Amino acid sequence: MSSKSASSLHKIKAVPTKQVIELVHPGKKQDPVGEKEYALLDEILQGNAEMVEAWVEDSPIDLTVVDRQTKNNLLHFAAQVGNPDSIRHLSNKMPQLVIGRNKRKQTPALLAAQRQNFKACDAIRKVEQKSFSHIRFDRMKDSSGRSLQYYAKKARRK
């Protein structure tokens, strides 16, 4: 991937959302995020699960990066796109991504449900149940007070 700006932090235009994404390390906002993280994000946004797997498995990469504005982690982006295979690759490598919350207090599962990406939501829920069975994800709500059940009921009404 070519450099997107002259600054130490790069930016990428998200295809599904048309927003500019600027990745940062949580808690270390001055440290530059490398090209590998942006290349992985690009593959996630394109829905290319094979390349996501290759990046995650074969290279040292920081999976904890988040978008400066939305606080979405890489699993949030995979949930937005709705690719269950990319979700499995990311969450197998770093299960704690499933409990990450963005600026709207959404976990990746809540974000997938809101976007009606229920296959993606199911893939995330399997990791939640396997790795974090003591946490009641079904009771978690976003900043609007909406839960997974709310989004599921809303989808059934359509």
N, C-alpha and C. Protein backbone atom coordinates (compact mmCIF):
# COMPACT_ATOMS: atom_id res chain seq x y z
N MET A 1 0.85 -1.17 0.00
CA MET A 1 0.00 0.00 0.00
C MET A 1 0.89 1.23 0.00
N SER A 2 0.57 2.18 -0.78
CA SER A 2 1.38 3.39 -0.85
C SER A 2 1.03 4.35 0.28
N SER A 3 1.93 5.24 0.57
CA SER A 3 1.71 6.22 1.62
C SER A 3 0.57 7.16 1.23
N LYS A 4 -0.34 7.40 2.18
CA LYS A 4 -1.50 8.23 1.90
C LYS A 4 -1.29 9.70 2.25
N SER A 5 -0.31 10.00 3.10
CA SER A 5 -0.05 11.39 3.46
C SER A 5 1.41 11.54 3.88
N ALA A 6 1.84 12.76 3.97
CA ALA A 6 3.22 13.02 4.35
C ALA A 6 3.41 12.93 5.86
N SER A 7 2.33 12.98 6.62
CA SER A 7 2.44 12.93 8.08
C SER A 7 2.78 11.52 8.54
N SER A 8 3.10 11.39 9.83
CA SER A 8 3.44 10.08 10.36
C SER A 8 2.21 9.18 10.47
N LEU A 9 1.03 9.75 10.51
CA LEU A 9 -0.20 8.96 10.53
C LEU A 9 -0.82 8.99 9.14
N HIS A 10 -1.22 7.85 8.66
CA HIS A 10 -1.81 7.74 7.34
C HIS A 10 -3.32 7.71 7.47
N LYS A 11 -4.01 7.91 6.38
CA LYS A 11 -5.46 7.87 6.36
C LYS A 11 -5.89 7.01 5.19
N ILE A 12 -7.05 6.41 5.31
CA ILE A 12 -7.58 5.58 4.25
C ILE A 12 -9.06 5.90 4.10
N LYS A 13 -9.55 5.89 2.90
CA LYS A 13 -10.97 6.15 2.64
C LYS A 13 -11.71 4.82 2.72
N ALA A 14 -12.64 4.71 3.64
CA ALA A 14 -13.40 3.47 3.82
C ALA A 14 -14.43 3.34 2.71
N VAL A 15 -14.38 2.23 2.00
CA VAL A 15 -15.28 2.01 0.87
C VAL A 15 -16.75 1.97 1.30
N PRO A 16 -17.14 1.14 2.31
CA PRO A 16 -18.57 1.06 2.61
C PRO A 16 -19.14 2.33 3.24
N THR A 17 -18.32 3.08 3.98
CA THR A 17 -18.86 4.21 4.73
C THR A 17 -18.47 5.56 4.14
N LYS A 18 -17.52 5.59 3.24
CA LYS A 18 -17.00 6.82 2.63
C LYS A 18 -16.37 7.76 3.67
N GLN A 19 -16.07 7.26 4.86
CA GLN A 19 -15.44 8.10 5.87
C GLN A 19 -13.93 7.93 5.79
N VAL A 20 -13.21 8.90 6.28
CA VAL A 20 -11.76 8.80 6.34
C VAL A 20 -11.40 8.13 7.65
N ILE A 21 -10.59 7.08 7.56
CA ILE A 21 -10.19 6.33 8.74
C ILE A 21 -8.74 6.64 9.04
N GLU A 22 -8.48 7.04 10.26
CA GLU A 22 -7.12 7.30 10.70
C GLU A 22 -6.84 6.38 11.89
N LEU A 23 -6.01 5.38 11.69
CA LEU A 23 -5.71 4.43 12.75
C LEU A 23 -4.70 4.98 13.72
N VAL A 24 -4.91 4.68 15.00
CA VAL A 24 -3.97 5.06 16.06
C VAL A 24 -3.83 3.87 17.02
N HIS A 25 -2.75 3.88 17.77
CA HIS A 25 -2.57 2.89 18.83
C HIS A 25 -3.33 3.40 20.05
N PRO A 26 -4.18 2.57 20.66
CA PRO A 26 -4.91 3.06 21.84
C PRO A 26 -3.94 3.42 22.95
N GLY A 27 -4.11 4.59 23.51
CA GLY A 27 -3.26 5.04 24.60
C GLY A 27 -1.93 5.62 24.16
N LYS A 28 -1.53 5.40 22.92
CA LYS A 28 -0.24 5.90 22.41
C LYS A 28 -0.50 6.66 21.13
N LYS A 29 -1.28 7.69 21.19
CA LYS A 29 -1.75 8.37 19.99
C LYS A 29 -0.65 9.02 19.15
N GLN A 30 0.53 9.19 19.72
CA GLN A 30 1.60 9.83 18.96
C GLN A 30 2.40 8.82 18.14
N ASP A 31 2.35 7.55 18.52
CA ASP A 31 3.11 6.54 17.79
C ASP A 31 2.46 6.29 16.43
N PRO A 32 3.25 6.32 15.36
CA PRO A 32 2.67 6.09 14.04
C PRO A 32 2.24 4.64 13.84
N VAL A 33 1.16 4.47 13.14
CA VAL A 33 0.67 3.14 12.77
C VAL A 33 1.32 2.78 11.44
N GLY A 34 1.79 1.56 11.34
CA GLY A 34 2.54 1.15 10.16
C GLY A 34 1.67 0.82 8.95
N GLU A 35 2.36 0.61 7.84
CA GLU A 35 1.69 0.27 6.58
C GLU A 35 0.95 -1.05 6.67
N LYS A 36 1.45 -1.99 7.47
CA LYS A 36 0.82 -3.31 7.56
C LYS A 36 -0.60 -3.21 8.11
N GLU A 37 -0.78 -2.37 9.10
CA GLU A 37 -2.11 -2.22 9.69
C GLU A 37 -3.09 -1.63 8.66
N TYR A 38 -2.62 -0.67 7.87
CA TYR A 38 -3.48 -0.10 6.83
C TYR A 38 -3.75 -1.10 5.71
N ALA A 39 -2.75 -1.92 5.39
CA ALA A 39 -2.96 -2.95 4.36
C ALA A 39 -4.00 -3.96 4.85
N LEU A 40 -3.91 -4.35 6.11
CA LEU A 40 -4.91 -5.27 6.67
C LEU A 40 -6.29 -4.64 6.67
N LEU A 41 -6.39 -3.39 7.09
CA LEU A 41 -7.68 -2.69 7.09
C LEU A 41 -8.26 -2.64 5.68
N ASP A 42 -7.43 -2.38 4.70
CA ASP A 42 -7.88 -2.33 3.31
C ASP A 42 -8.47 -3.67 2.89
N GLU A 43 -7.82 -4.77 3.25
CA GLU A 43 -8.33 -6.11 2.92
C GLU A 43 -9.64 -6.40 3.67
N ILE A 44 -9.74 -5.95 4.91
CA ILE A 44 -10.98 -6.13 5.67
C ILE A 44 -12.12 -5.41 4.98
N LEU A 45 -11.88 -4.15 4.60
CA LEU A 45 -12.94 -3.35 3.98
C LEU A 45 -13.35 -3.88 2.62
N GLN A 46 -12.43 -4.57 1.93
CA GLN A 46 -12.75 -5.17 0.64
C GLN A 46 -13.40 -6.54 0.79
N GLY A 47 -13.42 -7.07 2.02
CA GLY A 47 -14.03 -8.38 2.27
C GLY A 47 -13.17 -9.54 1.80
N ASN A 48 -11.87 -9.35 1.71
CA ASN A 48 -10.96 -10.37 1.21
C ASN A 48 -10.44 -11.21 2.38
N ALA A 49 -11.20 -12.24 2.76
CA ALA A 49 -10.88 -13.05 3.93
C ALA A 49 -9.56 -13.80 3.81
N GLU A 50 -9.20 -14.25 2.60
CA GLU A 50 -7.94 -14.97 2.43
C GLU A 50 -6.74 -14.07 2.73
N MET A 51 -6.81 -12.83 2.27
CA MET A 51 -5.71 -11.90 2.54
C MET A 51 -5.70 -11.48 4.01
N VAL A 52 -6.88 -11.36 4.61
CA VAL A 52 -6.94 -11.05 6.05
C VAL A 52 -6.24 -12.16 6.82
N GLU A 53 -6.55 -13.41 6.47
CA GLU A 53 -5.91 -14.55 7.13
C GLU A 53 -4.40 -14.49 6.95
N ALA A 54 -3.94 -14.21 5.74
CA ALA A 54 -2.50 -14.15 5.48
C ALA A 54 -1.83 -13.06 6.32
N TRP A 55 -2.42 -11.87 6.36
CA TRP A 55 -1.85 -10.78 7.15
C TRP A 55 -1.82 -11.13 8.64
N VAL A 56 -2.91 -11.68 9.14
CA VAL A 56 -3.02 -11.97 10.57
C VAL A 56 -2.07 -13.08 10.98
N GLU A 57 -1.95 -14.11 10.16
CA GLU A 57 -1.15 -15.28 10.53
C GLU A 57 0.34 -15.12 10.22
N ASP A 58 0.68 -14.43 9.16
CA ASP A 58 2.05 -14.46 8.67
C ASP A 58 2.90 -13.24 8.98
N SER A 59 2.35 -12.23 9.58
CA SER A 59 3.17 -11.04 9.81
C SER A 59 2.91 -10.47 11.19
N PRO A 60 3.96 -9.90 11.79
CA PRO A 60 3.74 -9.24 13.09
C PRO A 60 2.96 -7.95 12.85
N ILE A 61 1.76 -7.90 13.38
CA ILE A 61 0.88 -6.77 13.12
C ILE A 61 0.14 -6.41 14.40
N ASP A 62 -0.08 -5.14 14.62
CA ASP A 62 -0.78 -4.68 15.81
C ASP A 62 -2.29 -4.69 15.55
N LEU A 63 -2.97 -5.67 16.13
CA LEU A 63 -4.42 -5.79 15.95
C LEU A 63 -5.21 -4.90 16.90
N THR A 64 -4.53 -4.18 17.78
CA THR A 64 -5.23 -3.33 18.76
C THR A 64 -5.51 -1.93 18.25
N VAL A 65 -5.08 -1.60 17.02
CA VAL A 65 -5.28 -0.24 16.52
C VAL A 65 -6.77 0.09 16.41
N VAL A 66 -7.09 1.36 16.59
CA VAL A 66 -8.48 1.83 16.50
C VAL A 66 -8.53 3.08 15.63
N ASP A 67 -9.71 3.37 15.09
CA ASP A 67 -9.91 4.60 14.35
C ASP A 67 -9.96 5.76 15.33
N ARG A 68 -9.23 6.81 15.02
CA ARG A 68 -9.16 7.96 15.93
C ARG A 68 -10.54 8.56 16.21
N GLN A 69 -11.38 8.67 15.20
CA GLN A 69 -12.67 9.34 15.36
C GLN A 69 -13.74 8.44 15.98
N THR A 70 -13.92 7.23 15.46
CA THR A 70 -15.02 6.37 15.89
C THR A 70 -14.63 5.39 17.00
N LYS A 71 -13.34 5.18 17.20
CA LYS A 71 -12.80 4.20 18.14
C LYS A 71 -13.14 2.76 17.74
N ASN A 72 -13.48 2.56 16.47
CA ASN A 72 -13.71 1.20 15.97
C ASN A 72 -12.38 0.47 15.89
N ASN A 73 -12.37 -0.80 16.37
CA ASN A 73 -11.19 -1.62 16.17
C ASN A 73 -11.34 -2.39 14.86
N LEU A 74 -10.36 -3.20 14.51
CA LEU A 74 -10.40 -3.91 13.23
C LEU A 74 -11.59 -4.86 13.14
N LEU A 75 -12.00 -5.44 14.28
CA LEU A 75 -13.15 -6.33 14.26
C LEU A 75 -14.45 -5.56 14.02
N HIS A 76 -14.53 -4.33 14.51
CA HIS A 76 -15.69 -3.49 14.19
C HIS A 76 -15.81 -3.30 12.67
N PHE A 77 -14.68 -3.04 12.02
CA PHE A 77 -14.72 -2.84 10.56
C PHE A 77 -15.14 -4.12 9.85
N ALA A 78 -14.64 -5.26 10.31
CA ALA A 78 -15.05 -6.54 9.71
C ALA A 78 -16.54 -6.79 9.94
N ALA A 79 -17.05 -6.38 11.10
CA ALA A 79 -18.49 -6.53 11.38
C ALA A 79 -19.32 -5.62 10.48
N GLN A 80 -18.83 -4.43 10.20
CA GLN A 80 -19.54 -3.52 9.29
C GLN A 80 -19.65 -4.12 7.90
N VAL A 81 -18.56 -4.71 7.43
CA VAL A 81 -18.54 -5.30 6.09
C VAL A 81 -19.37 -6.57 6.08
N GLY A 82 -19.37 -7.30 7.19
CA GLY A 82 -20.20 -8.49 7.31
C GLY A 82 -19.56 -9.76 6.80
N ASN A 83 -18.24 -9.86 6.84
CA ASN A 83 -17.56 -11.05 6.36
C ASN A 83 -17.20 -11.97 7.54
N PRO A 84 -17.97 -13.06 7.75
CA PRO A 84 -17.71 -13.95 8.89
C PRO A 84 -16.32 -14.57 8.89
N ASP A 85 -15.76 -14.84 7.72
CA ASP A 85 -14.42 -15.45 7.66
C ASP A 85 -13.36 -14.48 8.18
N SER A 86 -13.44 -13.22 7.78
CA SER A 86 -12.49 -12.23 8.30
C SER A 86 -12.65 -12.10 9.81
N ILE A 87 -13.88 -12.13 10.28
CA ILE A 87 -14.14 -12.04 11.72
C ILE A 87 -13.49 -13.21 12.45
N ARG A 88 -13.63 -14.41 11.92
CA ARG A 88 -13.03 -15.58 12.55
C ARG A 88 -11.50 -15.47 12.60
N HIS A 89 -10.89 -15.01 11.51
CA HIS A 89 -9.43 -14.89 11.49
C HIS A 89 -8.95 -13.89 12.54
N LEU A 90 -9.60 -12.74 12.60
CA LEU A 90 -9.20 -11.71 13.57
C LEU A 90 -9.43 -12.16 15.01
N SER A 91 -10.62 -12.72 15.27
CA SER A 91 -10.96 -13.09 16.65
C SER A 91 -10.22 -14.33 17.12
N ASN A 92 -9.82 -15.22 16.21
CA ASN A 92 -8.99 -16.36 16.61
C ASN A 92 -7.61 -15.90 17.05
N LYS A 93 -7.09 -14.90 16.36
CA LYS A 93 -5.77 -14.37 16.70
C LYS A 93 -5.81 -13.53 17.98
N MET A 94 -6.89 -12.75 18.16
CA MET A 94 -7.00 -11.87 19.32
C MET A 94 -8.46 -11.81 19.79
N PRO A 95 -8.89 -12.78 20.61
CA PRO A 95 -10.29 -12.85 21.03
C PRO A 95 -10.78 -11.59 21.77
N GLN A 96 -9.89 -10.89 22.44
CA GLN A 96 -10.33 -9.72 23.21
C GLN A 96 -10.88 -8.60 22.33
N LEU A 97 -10.70 -8.68 21.02
CA LEU A 97 -11.29 -7.67 20.13
C LEU A 97 -12.82 -7.69 20.22
N VAL A 98 -13.43 -8.84 20.55
CA VAL A 98 -14.89 -8.92 20.59
C VAL A 98 -15.49 -8.10 21.72
N ILE A 99 -14.72 -7.79 22.76
CA ILE A 99 -15.26 -7.00 23.87
C ILE A 99 -14.95 -5.52 23.74
N GLY A 100 -14.26 -5.14 22.65
CA GLY A 100 -13.96 -3.73 22.42
C GLY A 100 -15.22 -2.93 22.15
N ARG A 101 -15.26 -1.74 22.68
CA ARG A 101 -16.41 -0.85 22.44
C ARG A 101 -15.93 0.39 21.71
N ASN A 102 -16.75 0.84 20.77
CA ASN A 102 -16.40 2.04 20.02
C ASN A 102 -16.95 3.27 20.74
N LYS A 103 -16.91 4.41 20.08
CA LYS A 103 -17.35 5.66 20.67
C LYS A 103 -18.83 5.63 21.07
N ARG A 104 -19.63 4.84 20.35
CA ARG A 104 -21.07 4.71 20.65
C ARG A 104 -21.37 3.56 21.60
N LYS A 105 -20.31 3.03 22.23
CA LYS A 105 -20.39 1.92 23.18
C LYS A 105 -20.88 0.63 22.55
N GLN A 106 -20.66 0.48 21.26
CA GLN A 106 -21.05 -0.74 20.55
C GLN A 106 -19.90 -1.74 20.51
N THR A 107 -20.21 -2.98 20.84
CA THR A 107 -19.27 -4.06 20.60
C THR A 107 -19.36 -4.39 19.11
N PRO A 108 -18.41 -5.14 18.57
CA PRO A 108 -18.54 -5.54 17.16
C PRO A 108 -19.84 -6.30 16.87
N ALA A 109 -20.31 -7.11 17.81
CA ALA A 109 -21.57 -7.85 17.60
C ALA A 109 -22.75 -6.89 17.50
N LEU A 110 -22.80 -5.88 18.35
CA LEU A 110 -23.88 -4.89 18.28
C LEU A 110 -23.83 -4.13 16.96
N LEU A 111 -22.64 -3.78 16.52
CA LEU A 111 -22.50 -3.06 15.26
C LEU A 111 -22.95 -3.93 14.08
N ALA A 112 -22.57 -5.20 14.10
CA ALA A 112 -23.00 -6.12 13.03
C ALA A 112 -24.52 -6.26 13.03
N ALA A 113 -25.11 -6.38 14.21
CA ALA A 113 -26.58 -6.51 14.30
C ALA A 113 -27.26 -5.24 13.81
N GLN A 114 -26.72 -4.08 14.18
CA GLN A 114 -27.30 -2.82 13.73
C GLN A 114 -27.29 -2.73 12.21
N ARG A 115 -26.23 -3.24 11.58
CA ARG A 115 -26.11 -3.21 10.12
C ARG A 115 -26.83 -4.39 9.46
N GLN A 116 -27.47 -5.21 10.28
CA GLN A 116 -28.19 -6.41 9.83
C GLN A 116 -27.27 -7.42 9.15
N ASN A 117 -26.04 -7.49 9.62
CA ASN A 117 -25.07 -8.49 9.18
C ASN A 117 -25.12 -9.63 10.19
N PHE A 118 -26.17 -10.44 10.13
CA PHE A 118 -26.40 -11.42 11.19
C PHE A 118 -25.46 -12.62 11.11
N LYS A 119 -24.94 -12.96 9.95
CA LYS A 119 -23.92 -14.02 9.88
C LYS A 119 -22.65 -13.55 10.58
N ALA A 120 -22.31 -12.30 10.38
CA ALA A 120 -21.15 -11.72 11.07
C ALA A 120 -21.40 -11.68 12.57
N CYS A 121 -22.59 -11.30 12.95
CA CYS A 121 -22.96 -11.24 14.37
C CYS A 121 -22.84 -12.63 15.00
N ASP A 122 -23.33 -13.66 14.31
CA ASP A 122 -23.24 -15.02 14.83
C ASP A 122 -21.80 -15.46 15.00
N ALA A 123 -20.93 -15.12 14.05
CA ALA A 123 -19.51 -15.48 14.15
C ALA A 123 -18.88 -14.83 15.38
N ILE A 124 -19.22 -13.59 15.65
CA ILE A 124 -18.69 -12.89 16.82
C ILE A 124 -19.26 -13.49 18.10
N ARG A 125 -20.54 -13.80 18.10
CA ARG A 125 -21.19 -14.38 19.29
C ARG A 125 -20.56 -15.71 19.67
N LYS A 126 -20.12 -16.51 18.70
CA LYS A 126 -19.47 -17.79 18.99
C LYS A 126 -18.17 -17.56 19.76
N VAL A 127 -17.41 -16.54 19.36
CA VAL A 127 -16.17 -16.22 20.07
C VAL A 127 -16.49 -15.70 21.46
N GLU A 128 -17.52 -14.87 21.56
CA GLU A 128 -17.93 -14.36 22.88
C GLU A 128 -18.25 -15.50 23.83
N GLN A 129 -19.03 -16.46 23.35
CA GLN A 129 -19.45 -17.57 24.20
C GLN A 129 -18.29 -18.49 24.56
N LYS A 130 -17.35 -18.66 23.63
CA LYS A 130 -16.21 -19.54 23.88
C LYS A 130 -15.19 -18.90 24.81
N SER A 131 -14.84 -17.65 24.56
CA SER A 131 -13.75 -17.01 25.28
C SER A 131 -14.18 -16.18 26.48
N PHE A 132 -15.41 -15.70 26.46
CA PHE A 132 -15.86 -14.78 27.51
C PHE A 132 -17.24 -15.19 28.01
N SER A 133 -17.40 -16.46 28.38
CA SER A 133 -18.72 -16.99 28.76
C SER A 133 -19.26 -16.33 30.02
N HIS A 134 -18.41 -15.72 30.82
CA HIS A 134 -18.85 -15.08 32.06
C HIS A 134 -19.46 -13.69 31.83
N ILE A 135 -19.34 -13.15 30.63
CA ILE A 135 -19.89 -11.82 30.33
C ILE A 135 -21.24 -11.99 29.64
N ARG A 136 -22.22 -11.22 30.07
CA ARG A 136 -23.57 -11.29 29.50
C ARG A 136 -23.68 -10.31 28.34
N PHE A 137 -23.21 -10.72 27.17
CA PHE A 137 -23.23 -9.87 25.99
C PHE A 137 -24.65 -9.55 25.54
N ASP A 138 -25.57 -10.48 25.78
CA ASP A 138 -26.94 -10.25 25.34
C ASP A 138 -27.59 -9.09 26.09
N ARG A 139 -27.05 -8.71 27.22
CA ARG A 139 -27.59 -7.58 27.98
C ARG A 139 -26.88 -6.27 27.70
N MET A 140 -25.80 -6.32 26.94
CA MET A 140 -25.07 -5.09 26.63
C MET A 140 -25.89 -4.20 25.71
N LYS A 141 -25.78 -2.91 25.95
CA LYS A 141 -26.50 -1.94 25.14
C LYS A 141 -25.54 -0.88 24.64
N ASP A 142 -25.89 -0.30 23.50
CA ASP A 142 -25.08 0.79 22.96
C ASP A 142 -25.49 2.10 23.62
N SER A 143 -24.92 3.20 23.18
CA SER A 143 -25.20 4.50 23.81
C SER A 143 -26.64 4.94 23.60
N SER A 144 -27.36 4.31 22.66
CA SER A 144 -28.78 4.62 22.45
C SER A 144 -29.69 3.72 23.28
N GLY A 145 -29.10 2.81 24.07
CA GLY A 145 -29.88 1.91 24.89
C GLY A 145 -30.40 0.70 24.14
N ARG A 146 -29.86 0.42 22.96
CA ARG A 146 -30.34 -0.69 22.14
C ARG A 146 -29.44 -1.91 22.30
N SER A 147 -30.08 -3.08 22.33
CA SER A 147 -29.36 -4.34 22.52
C SER A 147 -29.42 -5.19 21.25
N LEU A 148 -28.78 -6.36 21.30
CA LEU A 148 -28.83 -7.28 20.16
C LEU A 148 -30.28 -7.68 19.85
N GLN A 149 -31.06 -7.91 20.90
CA GLN A 149 -32.46 -8.29 20.70
C GLN A 149 -33.24 -7.21 19.97
N TYR A 150 -32.98 -5.96 20.29
CA TYR A 150 -33.66 -4.86 19.62
C TYR A 150 -33.40 -4.91 18.11
N TYR A 151 -32.11 -5.06 17.73
CA TYR A 151 -31.78 -5.07 16.31
C TYR A 151 -32.33 -6.31 15.60
N ALA A 152 -32.36 -7.45 16.31
CA ALA A 152 -32.93 -8.68 15.71
C ALA A 152 -34.44 -8.52 15.48
N LYS A 153 -35.13 -7.95 16.46
CA LYS A 153 -36.58 -7.74 16.30
C LYS A 153 -36.86 -6.75 15.17
N LYS A 154 -36.07 -5.72 15.10
CA LYS A 154 -36.23 -4.70 14.06
C LYS A 154 -36.08 -5.33 12.67
N ALA A 155 -35.10 -6.23 12.52
CA ALA A 155 -34.88 -6.88 11.23
C ALA A 155 -36.04 -7.81 10.86
N ARG A 156 -36.61 -8.48 11.85
CA ARG A 156 -37.73 -9.39 11.59
C ARG A 156 -38.97 -8.64 11.12
N ARG A 157 -39.13 -7.39 11.56
CA ARG A 157 -40.30 -6.59 11.17
C ARG A 157 -40.25 -6.17 9.71
N LYS A 158 -39.09 -6.15 9.12
CA LYS A 158 -38.95 -5.68 7.73
C LYS A 158 -39.39 -6.71 6.75
